[in-house]
Amino acid sequence: MDKKQQEALEQHPIVQTVIEYQNGVTDGDAGGFAEWHSFREFYQKWMRSETDRSRYPDDYANLRLAVYLAAFGMYRGSGFLRRGTHAIHQRAWSVLDRESLAELQDCDFQTAFNKAGQISDLVGKLTTAYEPLKSRSRSAVKEGIKPAADQCDGSPLSPEQDALKTLTTKVVLGTVVCLPAYDAYACFAVRKLGIGPPKTDVSGLERLFGFALEHQREFEAAAKEVGNPPLIRVLDMYLWRIGAVDAEKKSATRKEESEKWRATEKETRELKRGPIRTKNI
């Protein structure tokens, strides 16, 4: 463990940080937790039972996926998913409807490490399934719609790369649960922990799951504190919370700086005006 990672772990202890995430859910700060549970159960039943598949038409499955993604913020603002209907998710189901994914379902860190190639391939196929969104993203940029800013470091997100990575990894998190969601918060956390660039290629995933394996006991202890969800979900909670804490600190700093600037401007204006003179009657 290098110094950077040690400092980050001291600042964000795994068990305590995951509990903070759970407490945030209770307080309404981390939306989507209940919807994640609901959608995951729907997906597992849908995969196991032909009866459930015949009961729920494709359009309903698309709608459930859209609702889950909306709960995780993928339909907010000028997000590219809002430029189409929930039918855009139909191609994703063709990727998720595979018996070969059963061994990845709710897998532990060791399995995820060993199957990093298969997980990377799954993300790649989902990216291809959502390929039409790339043209929509380009159109949005031409129309002057700015890409969303990374709330953690202020850098702009590429509509064609980062947004699709966030989308596909959130789909994986809600279905197979073999990979955390790589949103802005999680990507920031991966860098802060010294794991390396937050990539979904084989080497990037091996670095991520290698880190998780090194701290498996802490993640298992954290899981017991929050209802024993799959370990990958606990890892996702941990990464999200690190990024959220940093964003909160930066937001507070910006607010404080803004208030100081306003106070200084007010004082400057008053000095320029000078004392208020009153007429003698």
Protein backbone atom coordinates (compact mmCIF):
# COMPACT_ATOMS: atom_id res chain seq x y z
CA MET A 1 0.00 0.00 0.00
CA ASP A 2 1.49 3.34 -1.05
CA LYS A 3 1.36 6.53 1.01
CA LYS A 4 -1.42 8.11 -1.07
CA GLN A 5 -3.72 5.12 -0.59
CA GLN A 6 -2.92 4.88 3.11
CA GLU A 7 -3.80 8.55 3.64
CA ALA A 8 -7.06 8.15 1.70
CA LEU A 9 -8.04 5.08 3.75
CA GLU A 10 -7.27 6.91 6.99
CA GLN A 11 -9.44 9.79 5.84
CA HIS A 12 -12.21 7.46 4.64
CA PRO A 13 -12.27 4.24 6.76
CA ILE A 14 -14.21 1.62 4.84
CA VAL A 15 -16.74 0.54 7.47
CA GLN A 16 -17.43 4.07 8.71
CA THR A 17 -17.73 5.48 5.19
CA VAL A 18 -20.21 2.81 4.07
CA ILE A 19 -22.30 3.42 7.20
CA GLU A 20 -22.26 7.15 6.37
CA TYR A 21 -23.62 6.29 2.94
CA GLN A 22 -26.41 4.24 4.50
CA ASN A 23 -27.24 7.06 6.90
CA GLY A 24 -27.38 9.40 3.91
CA VAL A 25 -29.97 7.11 2.31
CA THR A 26 -32.10 7.41 5.43
CA ASP A 27 -31.77 11.20 5.31
CA GLY A 28 -32.65 11.27 1.60
CA ASP A 29 -29.18 12.30 0.40
CA ALA A 30 -28.36 9.22 -1.71
CA GLY A 31 -31.40 8.53 -3.83
CA GLY A 32 -32.03 5.31 -5.70
CA PHE A 33 -31.09 2.83 -2.96
CA ALA A 34 -34.59 1.34 -2.67
CA GLU A 35 -35.02 1.34 -6.45
CA TRP A 36 -31.72 -0.53 -6.82
CA HIS A 37 -33.07 -3.31 -4.58
CA SER A 38 -36.38 -3.42 -6.45
CA PHE A 39 -34.88 -3.48 -9.92
CA ARG A 40 -32.24 -6.06 -9.00
CA GLU A 41 -34.98 -8.40 -7.75
CA PHE A 42 -36.96 -7.85 -10.95
CA TYR A 43 -33.91 -8.67 -13.10
CA GLN A 44 -33.10 -11.84 -11.17
CA LYS A 45 -36.68 -13.12 -11.47
CA TRP A 46 -36.73 -12.17 -15.14
CA MET A 47 -33.54 -14.15 -15.77
CA ARG A 48 -34.62 -17.23 -13.82
CA SER A 49 -38.24 -17.65 -14.83
CA GLU A 50 -39.78 -18.01 -18.27
CA THR A 51 -43.13 -17.39 -16.57
CA ASP A 52 -41.97 -13.98 -15.39
CA ARG A 53 -40.68 -13.18 -18.87
CA SER A 54 -44.03 -13.99 -20.45
CA ARG A 55 -45.80 -11.99 -17.73
CA TYR A 56 -43.71 -8.87 -18.35
CA PRO A 57 -43.53 -7.68 -21.99
CA ASP A 58 -40.35 -6.11 -23.35
CA ASP A 59 -41.81 -2.64 -23.03
CA TYR A 60 -42.31 -3.15 -19.29
CA ALA A 61 -38.73 -4.35 -18.85
CA ASN A 62 -37.49 -1.26 -20.70
CA LEU A 63 -39.60 0.94 -18.46
CA ARG A 64 -38.28 -0.70 -15.28
CA LEU A 65 -34.72 -0.13 -16.43
CA ALA A 66 -35.54 3.52 -17.26
CA VAL A 67 -37.07 4.07 -13.81
CA TYR A 68 -34.01 2.56 -12.12
CA LEU A 69 -31.64 4.75 -14.13
CA ALA A 70 -33.76 7.83 -13.43
CA ALA A 71 -33.51 7.10 -9.70
CA PHE A 72 -29.73 7.09 -10.15
CA GLY A 73 -29.73 10.45 -11.91
CA MET A 74 -29.31 9.39 -15.53
CA TYR A 75 -32.34 11.37 -16.75
CA ARG A 76 -31.58 14.67 -15.04
CA GLY A 77 -31.02 18.00 -16.77
CA SER A 78 -30.07 17.83 -20.43
CA GLY A 79 -28.93 14.20 -20.15
CA PHE A 80 -28.89 12.40 -23.48
CA LEU A 81 -31.28 9.65 -22.32
CA ARG A 82 -34.06 12.22 -22.24
CA ARG A 83 -33.73 12.62 -26.00
CA GLY A 84 -35.35 9.24 -26.61
CA THR A 85 -38.04 6.95 -25.19
CA HIS A 86 -37.48 4.07 -22.80
CA ALA A 87 -37.44 1.78 -25.87
CA ILE A 88 -33.75 2.74 -26.27
CA HIS A 89 -33.02 0.14 -23.56
CA GLN A 90 -34.31 -2.79 -25.66
CA ARG A 91 -30.88 -3.49 -27.14
CA ALA A 92 -29.36 -3.59 -23.65
CA TRP A 93 -31.69 -6.42 -22.66
CA SER A 94 -30.37 -8.51 -25.54
CA VAL A 95 -26.92 -8.21 -23.93
CA LEU A 96 -28.17 -8.91 -20.40
CA ASP A 97 -30.24 -11.95 -21.47
CA ARG A 98 -27.36 -14.42 -21.37
CA GLU A 99 -26.96 -17.55 -19.25
CA SER A 100 -23.19 -16.99 -19.25
CA LEU A 101 -23.73 -13.99 -16.94
CA ALA A 102 -25.06 -16.25 -14.17
CA GLU A 103 -21.57 -16.88 -12.81
CA LEU A 104 -21.04 -13.13 -12.48
CA GLN A 105 -24.32 -12.50 -10.64
CA ASP A 106 -23.61 -10.89 -7.24
CA CYS A 107 -20.05 -12.23 -7.48
CA ASP A 108 -17.39 -11.74 -4.82
CA PHE A 109 -14.16 -9.80 -5.35
CA GLN A 110 -12.07 -12.84 -6.24
CA THR A 111 -14.50 -13.94 -8.94
CA ALA A 112 -14.68 -10.39 -10.28
CA PHE A 113 -10.87 -10.23 -10.41
CA ASN A 114 -10.63 -13.59 -12.18
CA LYS A 115 -13.42 -12.67 -14.61
CA ALA A 116 -12.23 -9.11 -15.30
CA GLY A 117 -12.06 -9.88 -19.02
CA GLN A 118 -15.67 -11.08 -19.10
CA ILE A 119 -16.87 -8.03 -17.13
CA SER A 120 -14.97 -5.69 -19.44
CA ASP A 121 -16.53 -7.46 -22.41
CA LEU A 122 -20.01 -7.02 -20.89
CA VAL A 123 -19.44 -3.26 -20.52
CA GLY A 124 -18.18 -3.13 -24.11
CA LYS A 125 -21.28 -4.89 -25.45
CA LEU A 126 -23.57 -2.57 -23.50
CA THR A 127 -21.67 0.41 -24.91
CA THR A 128 -22.28 -0.94 -28.41
CA ALA A 129 -25.95 -1.48 -27.56
CA TYR A 130 -26.27 2.19 -26.67
CA GLU A 131 -24.27 3.27 -29.72
CA PRO A 132 -27.13 5.41 -31.15
CA LEU A 133 -26.76 7.71 -28.15
CA LYS A 134 -23.35 8.80 -29.41
CA SER A 135 -24.90 10.56 -32.39
CA ARG A 136 -27.41 12.20 -30.08
CA SER A 137 -24.55 13.41 -27.89
CA ARG A 138 -22.77 14.94 -30.88
CA SER A 139 -25.99 16.67 -31.91
CA ALA A 140 -26.39 18.05 -28.41
CA VAL A 141 -22.91 19.54 -28.51
CA LYS A 142 -23.59 21.11 -31.94
CA GLU A 143 -26.77 22.62 -30.57
CA GLY A 144 -24.78 24.31 -27.85
CA ILE A 145 -25.78 22.05 -24.96
CA LYS A 146 -22.74 21.89 -22.71
CA PRO A 147 -21.71 18.53 -21.24
CA ALA A 148 -22.25 18.16 -17.51
CA ALA A 149 -19.34 19.14 -15.29
CA ASP A 150 -17.55 16.60 -13.14
CA GLN A 151 -18.73 17.72 -9.71
CA CYS A 152 -15.55 16.43 -8.08
CA ASP A 153 -12.81 18.20 -9.99
CA GLY A 154 -14.64 20.68 -12.23
CA SER A 155 -13.46 19.16 -15.51
CA PRO A 156 -16.05 18.65 -18.26
CA LEU A 157 -17.36 15.19 -19.01
CA SER A 158 -17.25 13.95 -22.59
CA PRO A 159 -20.83 13.15 -23.66
CA GLU A 160 -19.56 10.28 -25.80
CA GLN A 161 -17.23 8.60 -23.30
CA ASP A 162 -17.80 9.41 -19.65
CA ALA A 163 -21.60 9.58 -19.90
CA LEU A 164 -21.74 6.22 -21.67
CA LYS A 165 -19.34 4.71 -19.12
CA THR A 166 -21.58 5.97 -16.32
CA LEU A 167 -24.68 4.62 -18.06
CA THR A 168 -23.34 1.16 -18.85
CA THR A 169 -21.77 0.61 -15.42
CA LYS A 170 -25.00 1.69 -13.70
CA VAL A 171 -26.87 -0.85 -15.82
CA VAL A 172 -24.40 -3.55 -14.72
CA LEU A 173 -24.70 -2.48 -11.07
CA GLY A 174 -28.49 -2.80 -11.20
CA THR A 175 -28.56 -6.19 -12.91
CA VAL A 176 -25.54 -8.49 -12.71
CA VAL A 177 -23.95 -6.54 -9.81
CA CYS A 178 -20.38 -7.35 -10.79
CA LEU A 179 -19.06 -3.78 -11.13
CA PRO A 180 -19.53 -0.47 -9.28
CA ALA A 181 -21.14 2.44 -11.12
CA TYR A 182 -18.41 4.67 -12.55
CA ASP A 183 -20.07 8.04 -12.11
CA ALA A 184 -18.18 11.26 -11.32
CA TYR A 185 -18.03 10.52 -7.59
CA ALA A 186 -16.73 6.97 -8.01
CA CYS A 187 -14.17 7.97 -10.63
CA PHE A 188 -12.85 10.64 -8.29
CA ALA A 189 -12.61 8.08 -5.46
CA VAL A 190 -10.71 5.58 -7.62
CA ARG A 191 -8.12 8.27 -8.38
CA LYS A 192 -7.94 9.46 -4.79
CA LEU A 193 -7.36 5.92 -3.51
CA GLY A 194 -4.40 5.60 -5.88
CA ILE A 195 -5.98 2.68 -7.73
CA GLY A 196 -5.26 4.29 -11.08
CA PRO A 197 -7.35 5.68 -13.93
CA PRO A 198 -11.01 4.60 -13.55
CA LYS A 199 -11.16 2.45 -16.67
CA THR A 200 -13.28 -0.58 -17.52
CA ASP A 201 -10.60 -2.42 -19.48
CA VAL A 202 -9.09 -5.59 -18.01
CA SER A 203 -6.11 -3.92 -16.33
CA GLY A 204 -8.31 -1.17 -14.86
CA LEU A 205 -10.75 -3.70 -13.41
CA GLU A 206 -7.95 -5.88 -12.05
CA ARG A 207 -6.53 -2.87 -10.22
CA LEU A 208 -9.95 -2.05 -8.76
CA PHE A 209 -10.74 -5.58 -7.62
CA GLY A 210 -7.16 -6.07 -6.45
CA PHE A 211 -7.67 -3.13 -4.09
CA ALA A 212 -10.98 -4.62 -2.93
CA LEU A 213 -9.35 -8.00 -2.27
CA GLU A 214 -6.66 -6.35 -0.14
CA HIS A 215 -9.39 -4.90 2.06
CA GLN A 216 -11.95 -7.67 1.79
CA ARG A 217 -12.35 -8.09 5.56
CA GLU A 218 -13.24 -4.42 5.97
CA PHE A 219 -15.77 -4.61 3.14
CA GLU A 220 -17.32 -7.76 4.63
CA ALA A 221 -17.59 -6.03 8.00
CA ALA A 222 -19.19 -3.01 6.31
CA ALA A 223 -21.67 -5.28 4.51
CA LYS A 224 -22.88 -6.69 7.83
CA GLU A 225 -23.55 -3.16 9.07
CA VAL A 226 -25.81 -2.25 6.12
CA GLY A 227 -27.92 -5.37 5.58
CA ASN A 228 -25.47 -7.63 3.71
CA PRO A 229 -25.88 -6.47 0.10
CA PRO A 230 -23.47 -7.99 -2.47
CA LEU A 231 -19.85 -6.95 -1.85
CA ILE A 232 -19.68 -5.18 -5.21
CA ARG A 233 -22.58 -3.00 -4.09
CA VAL A 234 -20.74 -2.23 -0.83
CA LEU A 235 -17.69 -1.21 -2.88
CA ASP A 236 -19.95 1.04 -4.96
CA MET A 237 -21.35 2.65 -1.79
CA TYR A 238 -17.84 3.28 -0.51
CA LEU A 239 -16.59 4.91 -3.71
CA TRP A 240 -19.72 7.05 -4.09
CA ARG A 241 -19.48 8.35 -0.54
CA ILE A 242 -15.83 9.40 -0.93
CA GLY A 243 -16.71 11.46 -4.00
CA ALA A 244 -19.80 12.93 -2.35
CA VAL A 245 -17.84 14.06 0.71
CA ASP A 246 -15.29 15.80 -1.50
CA ALA A 247 -18.05 17.51 -3.49
CA GLU A 248 -19.71 18.67 -0.26
CA LYS A 249 -16.44 20.15 0.99
CA LYS A 250 -15.79 21.95 -2.29
CA SER A 251 -19.35 23.25 -2.36
CA ALA A 252 -18.98 24.58 1.18
CA THR A 253 -15.65 26.19 0.28
CA ARG A 254 -17.15 27.86 -2.80
CA LYS A 255 -20.08 29.13 -0.73
CA GLU A 256 -17.74 30.54 1.90
CA GLU A 257 -15.57 32.22 -0.74
CA SER A 258 -18.67 33.64 -2.42
CA GLU A 259 -19.95 35.10 0.85
CA LYS A 260 -16.56 36.68 1.56
CA TRP A 261 -16.47 38.19 -1.93
CA ARG A 262 -19.97 39.64 -1.53
CA ALA A 263 -19.06 41.13 1.87
CA THR A 264 -15.91 42.68 0.39
CA GLU A 265 -17.85 44.10 -2.57
CA LYS A 266 -20.45 45.59 -0.24
CA GLU A 267 -17.76 47.18 1.92
CA THR A 268 -16.01 48.59 -1.17
CA ARG A 269 -19.23 50.14 -2.46
CA GLU A 270 -19.94 51.74 0.90
CA LEU A 271 -16.43 53.23 1.08
CA LYS A 272 -16.80 54.68 -2.41
CA ARG A 273 -20.13 56.29 -1.49
CA GLY A 274 -18.68 57.83 1.65
CA PRO A 275 -20.70 58.87 4.71
CA ILE A 276 -24.35 59.73 4.14
CA ARG A 277 -24.92 63.48 4.56
CA THR A 278 -28.12 64.85 6.04
CA LYS A 279 -29.53 68.34 5.34
CA ASN A 280 -30.16 70.72 8.21
CA ILE A 281 -33.76 71.82 8.40
